[in-house]
Amino acid sequence: MKNTKIRTAIFYADVHEAQNLEHFGAKFLRNYKVFSKEISLWEYKNHAFFYINSGIGLINAAIFAQKIIAKFMITNIINYGACGANATVDFYKMKNQLIFPEKFYLLDVKTPWYPPGQLPYEPEFYQNNKIGKNSILGSSNSFIFKKEQVSEFTFVSFFDMEAFAFAQVSEKNNSNFYCIKYLTDQIENNSEIEEVNLAIKKGSKKAVKFVLELLSQL
């Protein structure tokens, strides 16, 4: 790679979602240190990109995404990872498919003046995912495993702990945001940690393959 601008950062949150990108044909270039944490620079079919473990949760996602955008002038943010489903989703059908949320809500926000999920003076949701397919995802700093946790969000089909932050930071920086998810659990159905981690490892392989091919379109 010579004089190639790095435009893309690929983020995942859980260490179980990490993949050896060499198995997909990517080439490791070098490591950088950000927040006392190593992030790696890779190349795939002449496209240079960062591959980053943000850590779990909205705050980790937000500060890491903002730092990377500011430090390296990144224009494309890609987030792949696990998500849960509400009780109406056909879990056993959907768990073998990738999910491309279009709208992103913040589940932790509840006020008497705004709709559920809307921060005061902020948009009700973010909709800047370039590959969205009409599904709605809500993000929280809590793992969603009880219906009572999201009783005000019956319109939300999928849940995670980072995507809203990536969407919000991307929007505020005029960056492109791409979100790819896969099901690992369902409310009040299968939240055993071993089962979830196994589903994470399986789903991440399919997601990484999709993400790497997506690079050629950016």
C-alpha atoms as a PDB file:
ATOM      1  CA  MET A   1       0.000   0.000   0.000  1.00  0.00           C
ATOM      2  CA  LYS A   2       1.554   3.294  -1.113  1.00  0.00           C
ATOM      3  CA  ASN A   3       0.093   6.749  -0.506  1.00  0.00           C
ATOM      4  CA  THR A   4      -3.389   5.292  -0.033  1.00  0.00           C
ATOM      5  CA  LYS A   5      -5.763   7.325   2.092  1.00  0.00           C
ATOM      6  CA  ILE A   6      -7.335   5.334   4.908  1.00  0.00           C
ATOM      7  CA  ARG A   7     -11.039   6.112   4.705  1.00  0.00           C
ATOM      8  CA  THR A   8     -12.670   3.256   6.601  1.00  0.00           C
ATOM      9  CA  ALA A   9     -12.767   1.901  10.138  1.00  0.00           C
ATOM     10  CA  ILE A  10     -14.447  -1.408  10.958  1.00  0.00           C
ATOM     11  CA  PHE A  11     -15.621  -1.677  14.573  1.00  0.00           C
ATOM     12  CA  TYR A  12     -16.738  -4.651  16.625  1.00  0.00           C
ATOM     13  CA  ALA A  13     -17.463  -4.598  20.352  1.00  0.00           C
ATOM     14  CA  ASP A  14     -17.154  -8.075  21.861  1.00  0.00           C
ATOM     15  CA  VAL A  15     -13.812  -9.906  21.833  1.00  0.00           C
ATOM     16  CA  HIS A  16     -15.682 -13.029  20.694  1.00  0.00           C
ATOM     17  CA  GLU A  17     -16.521 -11.175  17.466  1.00  0.00           C
ATOM     18  CA  ALA A  18     -12.876 -10.803  16.431  1.00  0.00           C
ATOM     19  CA  GLN A  19     -11.776 -12.717  13.342  1.00  0.00           C
ATOM     20  CA  ASN A  20      -8.359 -13.468  11.882  1.00  0.00           C
ATOM     21  CA  LEU A  21      -8.684 -11.386   8.734  1.00  0.00           C
ATOM     22  CA  GLU A  22      -5.872 -13.269   7.024  1.00  0.00           C
ATOM     23  CA  HIS A  23      -8.292 -16.189   6.711  1.00  0.00           C
ATOM     24  CA  PHE A  24     -10.444 -13.935   4.509  1.00  0.00           C
ATOM     25  CA  GLY A  25      -7.572 -12.800   2.295  1.00  0.00           C
ATOM     26  CA  ALA A  26      -6.740  -9.530   4.064  1.00  0.00           C
ATOM     27  CA  LYS A  27      -3.153  -8.437   4.684  1.00  0.00           C
ATOM     28  CA  PHE A  28      -1.971  -7.034   8.007  1.00  0.00           C
ATOM     29  CA  LEU A  29       0.023  -3.794   7.663  1.00  0.00           C
ATOM     30  CA  ARG A  30       0.785  -2.377  11.086  1.00  0.00           C
ATOM     31  CA  ASN A  31      -0.530  -1.491  14.547  1.00  0.00           C
ATOM     32  CA  TYR A  32      -1.355   1.925  16.002  1.00  0.00           C
ATOM     33  CA  LYS A  33      -1.983   2.804  19.634  1.00  0.00           C
ATOM     34  CA  VAL A  34      -5.168   4.680  20.539  1.00  0.00           C
ATOM     35  CA  PHE A  35      -6.349   5.073  24.145  1.00  0.00           C
ATOM     36  CA  SER A  36      -3.492   2.771  25.240  1.00  0.00           C
ATOM     37  CA  LYS A  37      -5.050   0.094  23.042  1.00  0.00           C
ATOM     38  CA  GLU A  38      -3.650  -1.371  19.836  1.00  0.00           C
ATOM     39  CA  ILE A  39      -5.723  -1.017  16.675  1.00  0.00           C
ATOM     40  CA  SER A  40      -4.649  -2.695  13.472  1.00  0.00           C
ATOM     41  CA  LEU A  41      -4.377  -1.448   9.907  1.00  0.00           C
ATOM     42  CA  TRP A  42      -5.201  -3.930   7.159  1.00  0.00           C
ATOM     43  CA  GLU A  43      -5.513  -4.061   3.400  1.00  0.00           C
ATOM     44  CA  TYR A  44      -8.043  -6.029   1.363  1.00  0.00           C
ATOM     45  CA  LYS A  45      -8.034  -5.855  -2.438  1.00  0.00           C
ATOM     46  CA  ASN A  46      -6.159  -2.528  -2.339  1.00  0.00           C
ATOM     47  CA  HIS A  47      -8.528  -1.037   0.255  1.00  0.00           C
ATOM     48  CA  ALA A  48      -6.847   0.047   3.506  1.00  0.00           C
ATOM     49  CA  PHE A  49      -8.926  -0.001   6.694  1.00  0.00           C
ATOM     50  CA  PHE A  50      -8.659  -0.053  10.468  1.00  0.00           C
ATOM     51  CA  TYR A  51      -9.971  -3.062  12.380  1.00  0.00           C
ATOM     52  CA  ILE A  52     -10.944  -2.022  15.893  1.00  0.00           C
ATOM     53  CA  ASN A  53     -12.325  -3.550  19.058  1.00  0.00           C
ATOM     54  CA  SER A  54     -14.220  -0.636  20.616  1.00  0.00           C
ATOM     55  CA  GLY A  55     -15.256  -2.481  23.750  1.00  0.00           C
ATOM     56  CA  ILE A  56     -18.858  -3.061  24.765  1.00  0.00           C
ATOM     57  CA  GLY A  57     -21.327  -0.241  25.414  1.00  0.00           C
ATOM     58  CA  LEU A  58     -22.496   3.091  24.024  1.00  0.00           C
ATOM     59  CA  ILE A  59     -19.822   5.205  25.685  1.00  0.00           C
ATOM     60  CA  ASN A  60     -16.953   3.034  24.474  1.00  0.00           C
ATOM     61  CA  ALA A  61     -18.382   3.090  20.956  1.00  0.00           C
ATOM     62  CA  ALA A  62     -18.877   6.858  20.940  1.00  0.00           C
ATOM     63  CA  ILE A  63     -15.478   7.912  22.257  1.00  0.00           C
ATOM     64  CA  PHE A  64     -13.581   5.422  20.088  1.00  0.00           C
ATOM     65  CA  ALA A  65     -15.449   6.349  16.903  1.00  0.00           C
ATOM     66  CA  GLN A  66     -14.988  10.077  17.520  1.00  0.00           C
ATOM     67  CA  LYS A  67     -11.281   9.627  18.256  1.00  0.00           C
ATOM     68  CA  ILE A  68     -10.674   7.595  15.100  1.00  0.00           C
ATOM     69  CA  ILE A  69     -12.605  10.029  12.896  1.00  0.00           C
ATOM     70  CA  ALA A  70     -10.721  13.017  14.302  1.00  0.00           C
ATOM     71  CA  LYS A  71      -7.262  11.432  14.333  1.00  0.00           C
ATOM     72  CA  PHE A  72      -7.312   9.716  10.943  1.00  0.00           C
ATOM     73  CA  MET A  73     -10.016  11.688   9.057  1.00  0.00           C
ATOM     74  CA  ILE A  74     -12.072   8.545   8.517  1.00  0.00           C
ATOM     75  CA  THR A  75     -15.134   8.967   6.281  1.00  0.00           C
ATOM     76  CA  ASN A  76     -16.674   5.479   6.558  1.00  0.00           C
ATOM     77  CA  ILE A  77     -17.665   3.824   9.835  1.00  0.00           C
ATOM     78  CA  ILE A  78     -18.679   0.163   9.693  1.00  0.00           C
ATOM     79  CA  ASN A  79     -20.054  -1.636  12.722  1.00  0.00           C
ATOM     80  CA  TYR A  80     -20.766  -5.349  12.719  1.00  0.00           C
ATOM     81  CA  GLY A  81     -21.836  -7.429  15.667  1.00  0.00           C
ATOM     82  CA  ALA A  82     -24.395  -9.362  17.644  1.00  0.00           C
ATOM     83  CA  CYS A  83     -27.914  -8.273  18.436  1.00  0.00           C
ATOM     84  CA  GLY A  84     -30.947  -9.605  20.241  1.00  0.00           C
ATOM     85  CA  ALA A  85     -34.552  -9.760  19.053  1.00  0.00           C
ATOM     86  CA  ASN A  86     -37.939  -8.955  20.494  1.00  0.00           C
ATOM     87  CA  ALA A  87     -40.474 -11.698  21.094  1.00  0.00           C
ATOM     88  CA  THR A  88     -42.264 -11.209  17.749  1.00  0.00           C
ATOM     89  CA  VAL A  89     -39.208 -12.022  15.616  1.00  0.00           C
ATOM     90  CA  ASP A  90     -38.892 -15.546  14.214  1.00  0.00           C
ATOM     91  CA  PHE A  91     -35.564 -16.122  15.923  1.00  0.00           C
ATOM     92  CA  TYR A  92     -34.729 -19.514  14.451  1.00  0.00           C
ATOM     93  CA  LYS A  93     -35.369 -18.232  10.942  1.00  0.00           C
ATOM     94  CA  MET A  94     -33.533 -14.935  11.344  1.00  0.00           C
ATOM     95  CA  LYS A  95     -30.471 -16.179  13.237  1.00  0.00           C
ATOM     96  CA  ASN A  96     -28.929 -17.495  10.017  1.00  0.00           C
ATOM     97  CA  GLN A  97     -29.341 -14.169   8.222  1.00  0.00           C
ATOM     98  CA  LEU A  98     -27.470 -10.890   8.362  1.00  0.00           C
ATOM     99  CA  ILE A  99     -29.548  -7.919   9.515  1.00  0.00           C
ATOM    100  CA  PHE A 100     -29.154  -4.399   8.133  1.00  0.00           C
ATOM    101  CA  PRO A 101     -30.947  -1.936  10.458  1.00  0.00           C
ATOM    102  CA  GLU A 102     -32.125   1.323   8.954  1.00  0.00           C
ATOM    103  CA  LYS A 103     -33.276   3.277  12.031  1.00  0.00           C
ATOM    104  CA  PHE A 104     -31.418   3.516  15.335  1.00  0.00           C
ATOM    105  CA  TYR A 105     -33.020   4.454  18.677  1.00  0.00           C
ATOM    106  CA  LEU A 106     -31.503   5.111  22.092  1.00  0.00           C
ATOM    107  CA  LEU A 107     -33.381   2.861  24.516  1.00  0.00           C
ATOM    108  CA  ASP A 108     -32.008   4.489  27.674  1.00  0.00           C
ATOM    109  CA  VAL A 109     -33.761   7.821  27.062  1.00  0.00           C
ATOM    110  CA  LYS A 110     -37.192   8.380  28.579  1.00  0.00           C
ATOM    111  CA  THR A 111     -38.516  11.882  29.253  1.00  0.00           C
ATOM    112  CA  PRO A 112     -42.024  13.329  29.790  1.00  0.00           C
ATOM    113  CA  TRP A 113     -41.617  15.705  26.811  1.00  0.00           C
ATOM    114  CA  TYR A 114     -40.225  13.655  23.961  1.00  0.00           C
ATOM    115  CA  PRO A 115     -41.001  10.269  22.361  1.00  0.00           C
ATOM    116  CA  PRO A 116     -39.182   7.304  23.918  1.00  0.00           C
ATOM    117  CA  GLY A 117     -35.576   7.197  22.740  1.00  0.00           C
ATOM    118  CA  GLN A 118     -35.237  10.869  21.810  1.00  0.00           C
ATOM    119  CA  LEU A 119     -32.655  13.025  23.552  1.00  0.00           C
ATOM    120  CA  PRO A 120     -33.832  16.624  24.078  1.00  0.00           C
ATOM    121  CA  TYR A 121     -33.030  18.786  21.033  1.00  0.00           C
ATOM    122  CA  GLU A 122     -31.728  15.759  19.129  1.00  0.00           C
ATOM    123  CA  PRO A 123     -33.358  13.702  16.353  1.00  0.00           C
ATOM    124  CA  GLU A 124     -35.836  11.034  17.422  1.00  0.00           C
ATOM    125  CA  PHE A 125     -33.649   8.441  15.696  1.00  0.00           C
ATOM    126  CA  TYR A 126     -30.758   8.240  13.253  1.00  0.00           C
ATOM    127  CA  GLN A 127     -31.249   6.908   9.757  1.00  0.00           C
ATOM    128  CA  ASN A 128     -27.899   7.281   8.072  1.00  0.00           C
ATOM    129  CA  ASN A 129     -27.159   3.616   7.422  1.00  0.00           C
ATOM    130  CA  LYS A 130     -26.315   3.327   3.712  1.00  0.00           C
ATOM    131  CA  ILE A 131     -27.408  -0.310   3.467  1.00  0.00           C
ATOM    132  CA  GLY A 132     -30.448  -0.281   5.751  1.00  0.00           C
ATOM    133  CA  LYS A 133     -33.399  -2.522   4.950  1.00  0.00           C
ATOM    134  CA  ASN A 134     -36.348  -1.130   6.949  1.00  0.00           C
ATOM    135  CA  SER A 135     -35.610  -2.823  10.285  1.00  0.00           C
ATOM    136  CA  ILE A 136     -35.377  -0.864  13.543  1.00  0.00           C
ATOM    137  CA  LEU A 137     -32.642  -1.353  16.126  1.00  0.00           C
ATOM    138  CA  GLY A 138     -32.451   0.088  19.620  1.00  0.00           C
ATOM    139  CA  SER A 139     -29.239   0.447  21.620  1.00  0.00           C
ATOM    140  CA  SER A 140     -28.818   0.441  25.379  1.00  0.00           C
ATOM    141  CA  ASN A 141     -26.014   0.197  27.898  1.00  0.00           C
ATOM    142  CA  SER A 142     -28.000  -2.724  29.341  1.00  0.00           C
ATOM    143  CA  PHE A 143     -28.320  -6.213  27.888  1.00  0.00           C
ATOM    144  CA  ILE A 144     -31.991  -6.527  26.938  1.00  0.00           C
ATOM    145  CA  PHE A 145     -33.384  -9.800  28.258  1.00  0.00           C
ATOM    146  CA  LYS A 146     -36.763  -8.840  29.797  1.00  0.00           C
ATOM    147  CA  LYS A 147     -39.821  -7.426  28.028  1.00  0.00           C
ATOM    148  CA  GLU A 148     -40.207  -4.867  30.803  1.00  0.00           C
ATOM    149  CA  GLN A 149     -36.901  -3.237  29.821  1.00  0.00           C
ATOM    150  CA  VAL A 150     -38.323  -2.134  26.462  1.00  0.00           C
ATOM    151  CA  SER A 151     -42.049  -1.855  27.152  1.00  0.00           C
ATOM    152  CA  GLU A 152     -42.079   1.624  25.554  1.00  0.00           C
ATOM    153  CA  PHE A 153     -40.276   0.347  22.449  1.00  0.00           C
ATOM    154  CA  THR A 154     -42.669  -2.223  20.990  1.00  0.00           C
ATOM    155  CA  PHE A 155     -41.799  -0.879  17.512  1.00  0.00           C
ATOM    156  CA  VAL A 156     -38.136  -1.934  17.894  1.00  0.00           C
ATOM    157  CA  SER A 157     -37.298  -5.396  16.564  1.00  0.00           C
ATOM    158  CA  PHE A 158     -33.597  -5.710  17.425  1.00  0.00           C
ATOM    159  CA  PHE A 159     -31.357  -4.650  20.300  1.00  0.00           C
ATOM    160  CA  ASP A 160     -27.645  -4.096  20.814  1.00  0.00           C
ATOM    161  CA  MET A 161     -25.303  -1.989  22.969  1.00  0.00           C
ATOM    162  CA  GLU A 162     -23.361   0.158  20.458  1.00  0.00           C
ATOM    163  CA  ALA A 163     -24.994   0.898  17.081  1.00  0.00           C
ATOM    164  CA  PHE A 164     -26.849   4.072  18.091  1.00  0.00           C
ATOM    165  CA  ALA A 165     -23.577   5.642  19.269  1.00  0.00           C
ATOM    166  CA  PHE A 166     -21.819   4.808  16.010  1.00  0.00           C
ATOM    167  CA  ALA A 167     -24.771   6.205  14.052  1.00  0.00           C
ATOM    168  CA  GLN A 168     -24.898   9.422  16.089  1.00  0.00           C
ATOM    169  CA  VAL A 169     -21.157  10.091  15.898  1.00  0.00           C
ATOM    170  CA  SER A 170     -21.160   9.358  12.165  1.00  0.00           C
ATOM    171  CA  GLU A 171     -24.032  11.758  11.604  1.00  0.00           C
ATOM    172  CA  LYS A 172     -22.407  14.569  13.566  1.00  0.00           C
ATOM    173  CA  ASN A 173     -19.165  14.139  11.606  1.00  0.00           C
ATOM    174  CA  ASN A 174     -20.846  13.781   8.202  1.00  0.00           C
ATOM    175  CA  SER A 175     -19.377  10.289   7.938  1.00  0.00           C
ATOM    176  CA  ASN A 176     -21.021   7.352   6.208  1.00  0.00           C
ATOM    177  CA  PHE A 177     -22.338   4.658   8.538  1.00  0.00           C
ATOM    178  CA  TYR A 178     -22.844   0.998   7.697  1.00  0.00           C
ATOM    179  CA  CYS A 179     -24.314  -1.451  10.205  1.00  0.00           C
ATOM    180  CA  ILE A 180     -24.381  -5.234   9.898  1.00  0.00           C
ATOM    181  CA  LYS A 181     -25.867  -7.369  12.676  1.00  0.00           C
ATOM    182  CA  TYR A 182     -26.712 -11.006  13.340  1.00  0.00           C
ATOM    183  CA  LEU A 183     -29.008 -12.575  15.957  1.00  0.00           C
ATOM    184  CA  THR A 184     -27.568 -14.272  19.023  1.00  0.00           C
ATOM    185  CA  ASP A 185     -30.411 -14.101  21.547  1.00  0.00           C
ATOM    186  CA  GLN A 186     -34.069 -13.249  22.071  1.00  0.00           C
ATOM    187  CA  ILE A 187     -35.921 -11.626  24.939  1.00  0.00           C
ATOM    188  CA  GLU A 188     -36.837 -14.206  27.592  1.00  0.00           C
ATOM    189  CA  ASN A 189     -35.748 -17.072  25.362  1.00  0.00           C
ATOM    190  CA  ASN A 190     -32.039 -17.894  25.100  1.00  0.00           C
ATOM    191  CA  SER A 191     -29.724 -15.653  27.115  1.00  0.00           C
ATOM    192  CA  GLU A 192     -27.344 -18.349  28.389  1.00  0.00           C
ATOM    193  CA  ILE A 193     -23.865 -16.864  28.013  1.00  0.00           C
ATOM    194  CA  GLU A 194     -22.286 -19.961  26.440  1.00  0.00           C
ATOM    195  CA  GLU A 195     -25.030 -20.186  23.835  1.00  0.00           C
ATOM    196  CA  VAL A 196     -24.794 -16.479  23.045  1.00  0.00           C
ATOM    197  CA  ASN A 197     -20.994 -16.559  22.692  1.00  0.00           C
ATOM    198  CA  LEU A 198     -21.194 -19.525  20.332  1.00  0.00           C
ATOM    199  CA  ALA A 199     -23.726 -17.692  18.175  1.00  0.00           C
ATOM    200  CA  ILE A 200     -21.468 -14.615  18.207  1.00  0.00           C
ATOM    201  CA  LYS A 201     -18.518 -16.556  16.841  1.00  0.00           C
ATOM    202  CA  LYS A 202     -20.608 -18.126  14.066  1.00  0.00           C
ATOM    203  CA  GLY A 203     -22.359 -14.905  13.070  1.00  0.00           C
ATOM    204  CA  SER A 204     -19.194 -12.817  13.024  1.00  0.00           C
ATOM    205  CA  LYS A 205     -17.633 -14.964  10.290  1.00  0.00           C
ATOM    206  CA  LYS A 206     -20.539 -14.280   7.945  1.00  0.00           C
ATOM    207  CA  ALA A 207     -20.550 -10.581   8.863  1.00  0.00           C
ATOM    208  CA  VAL A 208     -16.808 -10.123   8.301  1.00  0.00           C
ATOM    209  CA  LYS A 209     -17.021 -11.746   4.880  1.00  0.00           C
ATOM    210  CA  PHE A 210     -19.811  -9.332   3.923  1.00  0.00           C
ATOM    211  CA  VAL A 211     -17.971  -6.315   5.349  1.00  0.00           C
ATOM    212  CA  LEU A 212     -14.759  -7.005   3.445  1.00  0.00           C
ATOM    213  CA  GLU A 213     -16.641  -7.235   0.158  1.00  0.00           C
ATOM    214  CA  LEU A 214     -18.453  -4.017   1.051  1.00  0.00           C
ATOM    215  CA  LEU A 215     -15.116  -2.180   0.994  1.00  0.00           C
ATOM    216  CA  SER A 216     -15.037  -2.244  -2.800  1.00  0.00           C
ATOM    217  CA  GLN A 217     -18.210  -0.129  -2.867  1.00  0.00           C
ATOM    218  CA  LEU A 218     -16.921   2.638  -0.587  1.00  0.00           C
END
